[in-house]
PDB file of all heavy atoms in Angstrom:
ATOM      1  N   VAL A   1       6.643   9.745  -0.997  1.00  0.00           N
ATOM      2  CA  VAL A   1       7.010   8.409  -0.841  1.00  0.00           C
ATOM      3  C   VAL A   1       8.588   8.305  -0.915  1.00  0.00           C
ATOM      4  O   VAL A   1       9.060   7.307  -1.283  1.00  0.00           O
ATOM      5  CB  VAL A   1       6.335   7.499  -1.734  1.00  0.00           C
ATOM      6  CG1 VAL A   1       4.901   7.467  -1.665  1.00  0.00           C
ATOM      7  CG2 VAL A   1       6.726   7.855  -3.299  1.00  0.00           C
ATOM      8  N   GLY A   2       9.126   9.380  -0.450  1.00  0.00           N
ATOM      9  CA  GLY A   2      10.629   9.256  -0.462  1.00  0.00           C
ATOM     10  C   GLY A   2      11.308   8.381   0.624  1.00  0.00           C
ATOM     11  O   GLY A   2      10.517   7.775   1.370  1.00  0.00           O
ATOM     12  N   PRO A   3      12.566   8.242   0.695  1.00  0.00           N
ATOM     13  CA  PRO A   3      13.237   7.296   1.611  1.00  0.00           C
ATOM     14  C   PRO A   3      12.966   7.753   3.058  1.00  0.00           C
ATOM     15  O   PRO A   3      12.923   6.792   3.958  1.00  0.00           O
ATOM     16  CB  PRO A   3      14.678   7.362   1.264  1.00  0.00           C
ATOM     17  CG  PRO A   3      14.730   7.849  -0.041  1.00  0.00           C
ATOM     18  CD  PRO A   3      13.473   8.810  -0.216  1.00  0.00           C
ATOM     19  N   GLU A   4      12.653   8.964   3.350  1.00  0.00           N
ATOM     20  CA  GLU A   4      12.457   9.378   4.745  1.00  0.00           C
ATOM     21  C   GLU A   4      11.169   9.007   5.285  1.00  0.00           C
ATOM     22  O   GLU A   4      10.952   9.041   6.485  1.00  0.00           O
ATOM     23  CB  GLU A   4      12.737  10.918   4.843  1.00  0.00           C
ATOM     24  CG  GLU A   4      11.645  11.758   4.108  1.00  0.00           C
ATOM     25  CD  GLU A   4      12.112  12.002   2.657  1.00  0.00           C
ATOM     26  OE1 GLU A   4      13.113  11.431   2.252  1.00  0.00           O
ATOM     27  OE2 GLU A   4      11.353  12.739   1.839  1.00  0.00           O
ATOM     28  N   HIS A   5      10.309   8.687   4.326  1.00  0.00           N
ATOM     29  CA  HIS A   5       8.914   8.116   4.783  1.00  0.00           C
ATOM     30  C   HIS A   5       8.631   6.762   4.653  1.00  0.00           C
ATOM     31  O   HIS A   5       8.005   6.102   5.418  1.00  0.00           O
ATOM     32  CB  HIS A   5       7.885   9.060   4.040  1.00  0.00           C
ATOM     33  CG  HIS A   5       7.877  10.473   4.272  1.00  0.00           C
ATOM     34  ND1 HIS A   5       7.609  11.136   5.490  1.00  0.00           N
ATOM     35  CD2 HIS A   5       8.229  11.513   3.491  1.00  0.00           C
ATOM     36  CE1 HIS A   5       7.708  12.426   5.361  1.00  0.00           C
ATOM     37  NE2 HIS A   5       8.071  12.673   4.142  1.00  0.00           N
ATOM     38  N   PHE A   6       9.243   6.200   3.512  1.00  0.00           N
ATOM     39  CA  PHE A   6       8.943   4.798   3.219  1.00  0.00           C
ATOM     40  C   PHE A   6      10.276   4.019   3.057  1.00  0.00           C
ATOM     41  O   PHE A   6      10.347   3.215   2.122  1.00  0.00           O
ATOM     42  CB  PHE A   6       8.017   4.661   2.000  1.00  0.00           C
ATOM     43  CG  PHE A   6       6.679   5.030   2.187  1.00  0.00           C
ATOM     44  CD1 PHE A   6       6.257   6.425   1.971  1.00  0.00           C
ATOM     45  CD2 PHE A   6       5.758   4.289   2.624  1.00  0.00           C
ATOM     46  CE1 PHE A   6       5.121   6.879   2.138  1.00  0.00           C
ATOM     47  CE2 PHE A   6       4.365   4.714   2.925  1.00  0.00           C
ATOM     48  CZ  PHE A   6       4.182   5.985   2.600  1.00  0.00           C
ATOM     49  N   GLY A   7      11.379   4.347   3.788  1.00  0.00           N
ATOM     50  CA  GLY A   7      12.550   3.614   3.641  1.00  0.00           C
ATOM     51  C   GLY A   7      12.521   2.152   4.262  1.00  0.00           C
ATOM     52  O   GLY A   7      11.576   1.874   4.935  1.00  0.00           O
ATOM     53  N   LEU A   8      13.447   1.486   3.895  1.00  0.00           N
ATOM     54  CA  LEU A   8      13.508   0.098   4.528  1.00  0.00           C
ATOM     55  C   LEU A   8      13.691   0.065   6.006  1.00  0.00           C
ATOM     56  O   LEU A   8      13.301  -0.913   6.659  1.00  0.00           O
ATOM     57  CB  LEU A   8      14.624  -0.776   3.703  1.00  0.00           C
ATOM     58  CG  LEU A   8      14.421  -1.065   2.260  1.00  0.00           C
ATOM     59  CD1 LEU A   8      15.614  -1.765   1.599  1.00  0.00           C
ATOM     60  CD2 LEU A   8      13.087  -1.687   1.997  1.00  0.00           C
ATOM     61  N   ASP A   9      14.350   1.097   6.506  1.00  0.00           N
ATOM     62  CA  ASP A   9      14.653   1.131   7.905  1.00  0.00           C
ATOM     63  C   ASP A   9      13.358   1.582   8.743  1.00  0.00           C
ATOM     64  O   ASP A   9      13.366   1.529   9.962  1.00  0.00           O
ATOM     65  CB  ASP A   9      15.694   2.087   8.303  1.00  0.00           C
ATOM     66  CG  ASP A   9      15.541   3.448   7.621  1.00  0.00           C
ATOM     67  OD1 ASP A   9      14.694   3.611   6.822  1.00  0.00           O
ATOM     68  OD2 ASP A   9      16.283   4.335   8.020  1.00  0.00           O
ATOM     69  N   ARG A  10      12.264   2.139   8.024  1.00  0.00           N
ATOM     70  CA  ARG A  10      11.089   2.731   8.712  1.00  0.00           C
ATOM     71  C   ARG A  10       9.947   1.723   8.591  1.00  0.00           C
ATOM     72  O   ARG A  10       9.082   1.715   9.372  1.00  0.00           O
ATOM     73  CB  ARG A  10      10.665   3.994   8.020  1.00  0.00           C
ATOM     74  CG  ARG A  10      11.654   5.069   8.283  1.00  0.00           C
ATOM     75  CD  ARG A  10      11.147   6.440   7.670  1.00  0.00           C
ATOM     76  NE  ARG A  10      11.985   7.569   8.081  1.00  0.00           N
ATOM     77  CZ  ARG A  10      11.871   8.332   9.118  1.00  0.00           C
ATOM     78  NH1 ARG A  10      11.062   7.923  10.080  1.00  0.00           N
ATOM     79  NH2 ARG A  10      12.690   9.249   9.402  1.00  0.00           N
ATOM     80  N   ILE A  11       9.933   0.829   7.617  1.00  0.00           N
ATOM     81  CA  ILE A  11       8.953  -0.084   7.440  1.00  0.00           C
ATOM     82  C   ILE A  11       9.518  -1.545   7.674  1.00  0.00           C
ATOM     83  O   ILE A  11      10.379  -1.879   6.854  1.00  0.00           O
ATOM     84  CB  ILE A  11       8.194  -0.087   6.105  1.00  0.00           C
ATOM     85  CG1 ILE A  11       7.633   1.357   5.894  1.00  0.00           C
ATOM     86  CG2 ILE A  11       7.185  -1.096   5.896  1.00  0.00           C
ATOM     87  CD1 ILE A  11       6.876   1.525   4.546  1.00  0.00           C
ATOM     88  N   ALA A  12       9.008  -2.259   8.511  1.00  0.00           N
ATOM     89  CA  ALA A  12       9.620  -3.628   8.807  1.00  0.00           C
ATOM     90  C   ALA A  12       9.049  -4.599   7.762  1.00  0.00           C
ATOM     91  O   ALA A  12       8.052  -4.346   7.092  1.00  0.00           O
ATOM     92  CB  ALA A  12       9.187  -4.057  10.128  1.00  0.00           C
ATOM     93  N   ASP A  13       9.825  -5.686   7.667  1.00  0.00           N
ATOM     94  CA  ASP A  13       9.397  -6.756   6.780  1.00  0.00           C
ATOM     95  C   ASP A  13       8.027  -7.335   7.312  1.00  0.00           C
ATOM     96  O   ASP A  13       7.747  -7.485   8.482  1.00  0.00           O
ATOM     97  CB  ASP A  13      10.401  -7.844   6.681  1.00  0.00           C
ATOM     98  CG  ASP A  13      11.743  -7.318   6.117  1.00  0.00           C
ATOM     99  OD1 ASP A  13      11.635  -6.394   5.326  1.00  0.00           O
ATOM    100  OD2 ASP A  13      12.819  -7.847   6.353  1.00  0.00           O
ATOM    101  N   PRO A  14       7.159  -7.779   6.288  1.00  0.00           N
ATOM    102  CA  PRO A  14       5.924  -8.427   6.709  1.00  0.00           C
ATOM    103  C   PRO A  14       6.224  -9.668   7.504  1.00  0.00           C
ATOM    104  O   PRO A  14       7.125 -10.411   7.292  1.00  0.00           O
ATOM    105  CB  PRO A  14       5.168  -8.665   5.392  1.00  0.00           C
ATOM    106  CG  PRO A  14       6.286  -8.730   4.385  1.00  0.00           C
ATOM    107  CD  PRO A  14       7.378  -7.812   4.745  1.00  0.00           C
ATOM    108  N   ALA A  15       5.318  -9.827   8.517  1.00  0.00           N
ATOM    109  CA  ALA A  15       5.374 -10.992   9.334  1.00  0.00           C
ATOM    110  C   ALA A  15       5.105 -12.220   8.625  1.00  0.00           C
ATOM    111  O   ALA A  15       4.255 -12.251   7.674  1.00  0.00           O
ATOM    112  CB  ALA A  15       4.547 -10.946  10.545  1.00  0.00           C
ATOM    113  N   PRO A  16       5.776 -13.382   8.841  1.00  0.00           N
ATOM    114  CA  PRO A  16       5.417 -14.666   8.146  1.00  0.00           C
ATOM    115  C   PRO A  16       4.049 -15.071   8.490  1.00  0.00           C
ATOM    116  O   PRO A  16       3.607 -14.974   9.706  1.00  0.00           O
ATOM    117  CB  PRO A  16       6.502 -15.585   8.606  1.00  0.00           C
ATOM    118  CG  PRO A  16       7.051 -15.136   9.785  1.00  0.00           C
ATOM    119  CD  PRO A  16       6.943 -13.599   9.735  1.00  0.00           C
ATOM    120  N   VAL A  17       3.385 -15.684   7.476  1.00  0.00           N
ATOM    121  CA  VAL A  17       2.064 -16.128   7.718  1.00  0.00           C
ATOM    122  C   VAL A  17       2.030 -17.682   7.589  1.00  0.00           C
ATOM    123  O   VAL A  17       2.936 -18.314   7.021  1.00  0.00           O
ATOM    124  CB  VAL A  17       1.068 -15.592   6.731  1.00  0.00           C
ATOM    125  CG1 VAL A  17       0.984 -14.056   6.863  1.00  0.00           C
ATOM    126  CG2 VAL A  17       1.504 -15.909   5.340  1.00  0.00           C
ATOM    127  N   PRO A  18       1.113 -18.395   8.227  1.00  0.00           N
ATOM    128  CA  PRO A  18       0.991 -19.866   8.104  1.00  0.00           C
ATOM    129  C   PRO A  18       0.669 -20.252   6.716  1.00  0.00           C
ATOM    130  O   PRO A  18       0.264 -19.517   5.892  1.00  0.00           O
ATOM    131  CB  PRO A  18      -0.091 -20.232   9.189  1.00  0.00           C
ATOM    132  CG  PRO A  18      -0.941 -19.021   9.357  1.00  0.00           C
ATOM    133  CD  PRO A  18       0.079 -17.896   9.144  1.00  0.00           C
ATOM    134  N   GLU A  19       0.781 -21.583   6.593  1.00  0.00           N
ATOM    135  CA  GLU A  19       0.596 -22.137   5.127  1.00  0.00           C
ATOM    136  C   GLU A  19      -0.926 -22.096   4.816  1.00  0.00           C
ATOM    137  O   GLU A  19      -1.253 -21.762   3.602  1.00  0.00           O
ATOM    138  CB  GLU A  19       0.999 -23.504   5.167  1.00  0.00           C
ATOM    139  CG  GLU A  19       0.952 -24.277   3.747  1.00  0.00           C
ATOM    140  CD  GLU A  19       1.613 -25.607   3.805  1.00  0.00           C
ATOM    141  OE1 GLU A  19       1.957 -26.082   4.887  1.00  0.00           O
ATOM    142  OE2 GLU A  19       1.431 -26.372   2.803  1.00  0.00           O
ATOM    143  N   GLU A  20      -1.808 -22.154   5.780  1.00  0.00           N
ATOM    144  CA  GLU A  20      -3.268 -22.149   5.363  1.00  0.00           C
ATOM    145  C   GLU A  20      -3.789 -20.709   5.356  1.00  0.00           C
ATOM    146  O   GLU A  20      -5.062 -20.507   5.218  1.00  0.00           O
ATOM    147  CB  GLU A  20      -4.057 -23.000   6.326  1.00  0.00           C
ATOM    148  CG  GLU A  20      -4.003 -22.438   7.759  1.00  0.00           C
ATOM    149  CD  GLU A  20      -2.875 -23.099   8.520  1.00  0.00           C
ATOM    150  OE1 GLU A  20      -1.999 -23.656   7.918  1.00  0.00           O
ATOM    151  OE2 GLU A  20      -2.816 -22.770   9.771  1.00  0.00           O
ATOM    152  N   TYR A  21      -2.913 -19.673   5.471  1.00  0.00           N
ATOM    153  CA  TYR A  21      -3.488 -18.332   5.331  1.00  0.00           C
ATOM    154  C   TYR A  21      -3.846 -17.965   3.990  1.00  0.00           C
ATOM    155  O   TYR A  21      -3.437 -18.265   2.986  1.00  0.00           O
ATOM    156  CB  TYR A  21      -2.168 -17.314   5.835  1.00  0.00           C
ATOM    157  CG  TYR A  21      -2.573 -15.891   5.703  1.00  0.00           C
ATOM    158  CD1 TYR A  21      -3.268 -15.318   6.687  1.00  0.00           C
ATOM    159  CD2 TYR A  21      -2.162 -15.208   4.562  1.00  0.00           C
ATOM    160  CE1 TYR A  21      -3.569 -13.934   6.624  1.00  0.00           C
ATOM    161  CE2 TYR A  21      -2.480 -13.795   4.501  1.00  0.00           C
ATOM    162  CZ  TYR A  21      -3.196 -13.262   5.568  1.00  0.00           C
ATOM    163  OH  TYR A  21      -3.469 -11.873   5.465  1.00  0.00           O
ATOM    164  N   SER A  22      -5.091 -17.226   3.910  1.00  0.00           N
ATOM    165  CA  SER A  22      -5.648 -16.751   2.697  1.00  0.00           C
ATOM    166  C   SER A  22      -5.885 -15.312   2.702  1.00  0.00           C
ATOM    167  O   SER A  22      -6.565 -14.837   3.655  1.00  0.00           O
ATOM    168  CB  SER A  22      -7.057 -17.459   2.473  1.00  0.00           C
ATOM    169  OG  SER A  22      -7.636 -17.044   1.358  1.00  0.00           O
ATOM    170  N   ASN A  23      -5.143 -14.626   1.899  1.00  0.00           N
ATOM    171  CA  ASN A  23      -5.289 -13.168   1.840  1.00  0.00           C
ATOM    172  C   ASN A  23      -6.683 -12.772   1.265  1.00  0.00           C
ATOM    173  O   ASN A  23      -7.084 -11.648   1.421  1.00  0.00           O
ATOM    174  CB  ASN A  23      -4.093 -12.501   1.055  1.00  0.00           C
ATOM    175  CG  ASN A  23      -3.929 -13.021  -0.311  1.00  0.00           C
ATOM    176  OD1 ASN A  23      -4.822 -13.765  -0.889  1.00  0.00           O
ATOM    177  ND2 ASN A  23      -2.797 -12.774  -0.924  1.00  0.00           N
ATOM    178  N   THR A  24      -7.224 -13.682   0.427  1.00  0.00           N
ATOM    179  CA  THR A  24      -8.567 -13.318  -0.077  1.00  0.00           C
ATOM    180  C   THR A  24      -9.556 -13.283   1.031  1.00  0.00           C
ATOM    181  O   THR A  24     -10.383 -12.434   1.101  1.00  0.00           O
ATOM    182  CB  THR A  24      -8.953 -14.484  -1.114  1.00  0.00           C
ATOM    183  OG1 THR A  24      -8.052 -14.601  -2.127  1.00  0.00           O
ATOM    184  CG2 THR A  24     -10.401 -14.177  -1.698  1.00  0.00           C
ATOM    185  N   LEU A  25      -9.472 -14.231   1.964  1.00  0.00           N
ATOM    186  CA  LEU A  25     -10.434 -14.209   3.165  1.00  0.00           C
ATOM    187  C   LEU A  25     -10.175 -13.023   4.001  1.00  0.00           C
ATOM    188  O   LEU A  25     -11.174 -12.340   4.364  1.00  0.00           O
ATOM    189  CB  LEU A  25     -10.108 -15.467   3.987  1.00  0.00           C
ATOM    190  CG  LEU A  25     -10.966 -15.600   5.199  1.00  0.00           C
ATOM    191  CD1 LEU A  25     -12.474 -15.652   4.932  1.00  0.00           C
ATOM    192  CD2 LEU A  25     -10.507 -16.825   6.074  1.00  0.00           C
ATOM    193  N   GLU A  26      -8.879 -12.544   4.231  1.00  0.00           N
ATOM    194  CA  GLU A  26      -8.629 -11.439   4.979  1.00  0.00           C
ATOM    195  C   GLU A  26      -9.193 -10.195   4.325  1.00  0.00           C
ATOM    196  O   GLU A  26      -9.502  -9.299   4.969  1.00  0.00           O
ATOM    197  CB  GLU A  26      -7.077 -11.341   5.292  1.00  0.00           C
ATOM    198  CG  GLU A  26      -6.535 -12.509   6.163  1.00  0.00           C
ATOM    199  CD  GLU A  26      -7.274 -12.377   7.593  1.00  0.00           C
ATOM    200  OE1 GLU A  26      -7.561 -11.291   8.078  1.00  0.00           O
ATOM    201  OE2 GLU A  26      -7.440 -13.518   8.131  1.00  0.00           O
ATOM    202  N   LEU A  27      -8.993 -10.076   2.969  1.00  0.00           N
ATOM    203  CA  LEU A  27      -9.366  -8.920   2.180  1.00  0.00           C
ATOM    204  C   LEU A  27     -10.919  -8.768   2.306  1.00  0.00           C
ATOM    205  O   LEU A  27     -11.391  -7.769   2.588  1.00  0.00           O
ATOM    206  CB  LEU A  27      -8.918  -8.980   0.804  1.00  0.00           C
ATOM    207  CG  LEU A  27      -9.389  -7.913  -0.190  1.00  0.00           C
ATOM    208  CD1 LEU A  27      -8.753  -6.596   0.344  1.00  0.00           C
ATOM    209  CD2 LEU A  27      -8.959  -8.201  -1.527  1.00  0.00           C
ATOM    210  N   GLY A  28     -11.661  -9.961   2.142  1.00  0.00           N
ATOM    211  CA  GLY A  28     -13.012  -9.846   2.268  1.00  0.00           C
ATOM    212  C   GLY A  28     -13.573  -9.533   3.532  1.00  0.00           C
ATOM    213  O   GLY A  28     -14.497  -8.801   3.808  1.00  0.00           O
ATOM    214  N   ARG A  29     -12.869 -10.070   4.601  1.00  0.00           N
ATOM    215  CA  ARG A  29     -13.199  -9.693   5.975  1.00  0.00           C
ATOM    216  C   ARG A  29     -13.059  -8.223   6.269  1.00  0.00           C
ATOM    217  O   ARG A  29     -13.947  -7.524   6.965  1.00  0.00           O
ATOM    218  CB  ARG A  29     -12.388 -10.621   6.929  1.00  0.00           C
ATOM    219  CG  ARG A  29     -12.834 -10.427   8.343  1.00  0.00           C
ATOM    220  CD  ARG A  29     -11.864 -11.328   9.258  1.00  0.00           C
ATOM    221  NE  ARG A  29     -12.045 -12.793   8.788  1.00  0.00           N
ATOM    222  CZ  ARG A  29     -11.364 -13.786   9.312  1.00  0.00           C
ATOM    223  NH1 ARG A  29     -10.395 -13.641  10.013  1.00  0.00           N
ATOM    224  NH2 ARG A  29     -11.748 -15.034   8.895  1.00  0.00           N
ATOM    225  N   VAL A  30     -11.886  -7.687   5.925  1.00  0.00           N
ATOM    226  CA  VAL A  30     -11.765  -6.152   6.063  1.00  0.00           C
ATOM    227  C   VAL A  30     -12.767  -5.363   5.253  1.00  0.00           C
ATOM    228  O   VAL A  30     -13.167  -4.379   5.805  1.00  0.00           O
ATOM    229  CB  VAL A  30     -10.308  -5.914   5.848  1.00  0.00           C
ATOM    230  CG1 VAL A  30     -10.092  -4.409   5.895  1.00  0.00           C
ATOM    231  CG2 VAL A  30      -9.360  -6.527   6.783  1.00  0.00           C
ATOM    232  N   LEU A  31     -12.884  -5.806   4.085  1.00  0.00           N
ATOM    233  CA  LEU A  31     -13.712  -5.042   3.082  1.00  0.00           C
ATOM    234  C   LEU A  31     -15.163  -4.964   3.559  1.00  0.00           C
ATOM    235  O   LEU A  31     -15.834  -3.918   3.451  1.00  0.00           O
ATOM    236  CB  LEU A  31     -13.587  -5.537   1.695  1.00  0.00           C
ATOM    237  CG  LEU A  31     -14.229  -4.786   0.572  1.00  0.00           C
ATOM    238  CD1 LEU A  31     -13.521  -3.443   0.422  1.00  0.00           C
ATOM    239  CD2 LEU A  31     -14.085  -5.541  -0.752  1.00  0.00           C
ATOM    240  N   TYR A  32     -15.692  -6.005   4.049  1.00  0.00           N
ATOM    241  CA  TYR A  32     -17.075  -6.123   4.403  1.00  0.00           C
ATOM    242  C   TYR A  32     -17.378  -5.873   5.978  1.00  0.00           C
ATOM    243  O   TYR A  32     -18.521  -6.064   6.378  1.00  0.00           O
ATOM    244  CB  TYR A  32     -17.664  -7.451   4.001  1.00  0.00           C
ATOM    245  CG  TYR A  32     -17.795  -7.548   2.528  1.00  0.00           C
ATOM    246  CD1 TYR A  32     -16.891  -8.338   1.822  1.00  0.00           C
ATOM    247  CD2 TYR A  32     -18.716  -6.863   1.770  1.00  0.00           C
ATOM    248  CE1 TYR A  32     -16.908  -8.416   0.415  1.00  0.00           C
ATOM    249  CE2 TYR A  32     -18.777  -7.057   0.404  1.00  0.00           C
ATOM    250  CZ  TYR A  32     -17.901  -7.761  -0.196  1.00  0.00           C
ATOM    251  OH  TYR A  32     -18.034  -7.829  -1.635  1.00  0.00           O
ATOM    252  N   THR A  33     -16.336  -5.543   6.653  1.00  0.00           N
ATOM    253  CA  THR A  33     -16.538  -5.189   8.054  1.00  0.00           C
ATOM    254  C   THR A  33     -16.076  -3.757   8.358  1.00  0.00           C
ATOM    255  O   THR A  33     -16.865  -2.890   8.699  1.00  0.00           O
ATOM    256  CB  THR A  33     -15.833  -6.229   8.956  1.00  0.00           C
ATOM    257  OG1 THR A  33     -14.451  -6.240   8.594  1.00  0.00           O
ATOM    258  CG2 THR A  33     -16.408  -7.537   8.956  1.00  0.00           C
ATOM    259  N   VAL A  34     -14.825  -3.563   8.303  1.00  0.00           N
ATOM    260  CA  VAL A  34     -14.237  -2.138   8.542  1.00  0.00           C
ATOM    261  C   VAL A  34     -14.652  -1.136   7.497  1.00  0.00           C
ATOM    262  O   VAL A  34     -15.058   0.002   7.814  1.00  0.00           O
ATOM    263  CB  VAL A  34     -12.746  -2.205   8.650  1.00  0.00           C
ATOM    264  CG1 VAL A  34     -12.154  -0.922   9.026  1.00  0.00           C
ATOM    265  CG2 VAL A  34     -12.324  -3.324   9.737  1.00  0.00           C
TER     266      VAL A  34
END
């Protein structure tokens, strides 16, 4: 996990999410489908 693999220039900032976004719903959807 050094800078050459996980540096700030290699991983972009997370995209902004809307106000009604629920990461609990997304986590459950991914966990029970994929």
